[in-house]
Every structure is written in structure tokens, then in C-alpha cells.
Amino acid sequence: MYPTRVTTTTTTTTITTTTDNNNIITTTTTATTIPPLPPITTILPTTKHLKTNRPTRRAHHN
């Protein structure tokens, strides 16, 4: 397999809102943008692997 070059741009936006009760609510939104992806054929096997190995389904049922 050839080396995978992943260029990741992460943009973090922090919004601080002060309510009437003077409680400070901080909402952090993180958007990750990955430029030009390799062919989907290359990505699919990896994605399937991750899904199979992660116990996400059990977590949802709990």
C-alpha cells in the first residue's frame, strides 16, 4: 500500500452565551474538513473495518 497523505484542516468555533441567570454556556463546534479524498474504493475497506471493530451498536442500545 502506498503511504496515505491526509491533509486535515480543523476549524474550531467557540460561542459563549450569557443567559439571564449569568450562567455562561460555552458551545464549541469543531468542523473538520479533509480536502480531496482518495478513490472511494480505497476508503471503503477501512471504514467497514472501523465500524465492525467499534462497539457502537451496543452503546446505542444502552
C-alpha atoms as a PDB file:
ATOM      1  CA  MET A   1       0.000   0.000   0.000  1.00  0.00           C
ATOM      2  CA  TYR A   2       1.231   3.476  -0.765  1.00  0.00           C
ATOM      3  CA  PRO A   3       1.604   5.984   2.078  1.00  0.00           C
ATOM      4  CA  THR A   4      -1.594   7.841   2.893  1.00  0.00           C
ATOM      5  CA  ARG A   5      -1.303  11.599   2.808  1.00  0.00           C
ATOM      6  CA  VAL A   6      -4.055  13.147   4.860  1.00  0.00           C
ATOM      7  CA  THR A   7      -4.348  16.895   4.977  1.00  0.00           C
ATOM      8  CA  THR A   8      -6.752  17.864   7.710  1.00  0.00           C
ATOM      9  CA  THR A   9      -7.999  21.361   8.365  1.00  0.00           C
ATOM     10  CA  THR A  10      -9.720  21.750  11.718  1.00  0.00           C
ATOM     11  CA  THR A  11     -11.800  24.825  12.393  1.00  0.00           C
ATOM     12  CA  THR A  12     -12.931  25.372  15.973  1.00  0.00           C
ATOM     13  CA  THR A  13     -15.587  27.950  16.695  1.00  0.00           C
ATOM     14  CA  THR A  14     -16.307  28.807  20.315  1.00  0.00           C
ATOM     15  CA  ILE A  15     -19.532  30.640  21.081  1.00  0.00           C
ATOM     16  CA  THR A  16     -20.006  31.996  24.593  1.00  0.00           C
ATOM     17  CA  THR A  17     -23.554  32.897  25.539  1.00  0.00           C
ATOM     18  CA  THR A  18     -24.516  34.619  28.797  1.00  0.00           C
ATOM     19  CA  THR A  19     -28.049  33.852  29.964  1.00  0.00           C
ATOM     20  CA  ASP A  20     -30.305  35.926  32.206  1.00  0.00           C
ATOM     21  CA  ASN A  21     -29.088  33.992  35.247  1.00  0.00           C
ATOM     22  CA  ASN A  22     -25.497  34.971  34.441  1.00  0.00           C
ATOM     23  CA  ASN A  23     -24.694  31.360  33.613  1.00  0.00           C
ATOM     24  CA  ILE A  24     -22.038  31.123  30.941  1.00  0.00           C
ATOM     25  CA  ILE A  25     -22.745  28.497  28.309  1.00  0.00           C
ATOM     26  CA  THR A  26     -19.862  27.697  26.010  1.00  0.00           C
ATOM     27  CA  THR A  27     -20.652  25.886  22.792  1.00  0.00           C
ATOM     28  CA  THR A  28     -17.683  24.586  20.889  1.00  0.00           C
ATOM     29  CA  THR A  29     -18.229  23.488  17.325  1.00  0.00           C
ATOM     30  CA  THR A  30     -15.403  21.640  15.645  1.00  0.00           C
ATOM     31  CA  ALA A  31     -15.580  21.231  11.897  1.00  0.00           C
ATOM     32  CA  THR A  32     -13.010  19.025  10.242  1.00  0.00           C
ATOM     33  CA  THR A  33     -12.520  19.474   6.521  1.00  0.00           C
ATOM     34  CA  ILE A  34     -10.494  16.894   4.620  1.00  0.00           C
ATOM     35  CA  PRO A  35      -9.526  18.042   1.108  1.00  0.00           C
ATOM     36  CA  PRO A  36      -9.519  15.781  -1.999  1.00  0.00           C
ATOM     37  CA  LEU A  37     -10.053  12.230  -0.836  1.00  0.00           C
ATOM     38  CA  PRO A  38      -8.533   9.157  -2.451  1.00  0.00           C
ATOM     39  CA  PRO A  39     -10.855   6.940  -4.533  1.00  0.00           C
ATOM     40  CA  ILE A  40     -13.832   5.659  -2.533  1.00  0.00           C
ATOM     41  CA  THR A  41     -12.639   2.135  -3.257  1.00  0.00           C
ATOM     42  CA  THR A  42      -9.617   2.837  -1.089  1.00  0.00           C
ATOM     43  CA  ILE A  43     -11.685   4.286   1.775  1.00  0.00           C
ATOM     44  CA  LEU A  44     -14.456   1.683   1.985  1.00  0.00           C
ATOM     45  CA  PRO A  45     -12.434  -1.255   3.346  1.00  0.00           C
ATOM     46  CA  THR A  46     -11.064   0.955   6.126  1.00  0.00           C
ATOM     47  CA  THR A  47     -14.486   2.319   7.013  1.00  0.00           C
ATOM     48  CA  LYS A  48     -16.017  -1.151   7.178  1.00  0.00           C
ATOM     49  CA  HIS A  49     -13.196  -2.310   9.413  1.00  0.00           C
ATOM     50  CA  LEU A  50     -13.672   0.551  11.838  1.00  0.00           C
ATOM     51  CA  LYS A  51     -17.424   0.039  12.045  1.00  0.00           C
ATOM     52  CA  THR A  52     -17.042  -3.686  12.677  1.00  0.00           C
ATOM     53  CA  ASN A  53     -14.456  -3.249  15.418  1.00  0.00           C
ATOM     54  CA  ARG A  54     -16.200  -0.429  17.247  1.00  0.00           C
ATOM     55  CA  PRO A  55     -18.863  -1.433  19.808  1.00  0.00           C
ATOM     56  CA  THR A  56     -21.075   1.462  18.723  1.00  0.00           C
ATOM     57  CA  ARG A  57     -24.209  -0.639  18.295  1.00  0.00           C
ATOM     58  CA  ARG A  58     -24.106  -1.846  21.897  1.00  0.00           C
ATOM     59  CA  ALA A  59     -23.621   1.718  23.112  1.00  0.00           C
ATOM     60  CA  HIS A  60     -26.742   2.862  21.267  1.00  0.00           C
ATOM     61  CA  HIS A  61     -28.890   0.162  22.838  1.00  0.00           C
ATOM     62  CA  ASN A  62     -27.717   1.109  26.314  1.00  0.00           C
END
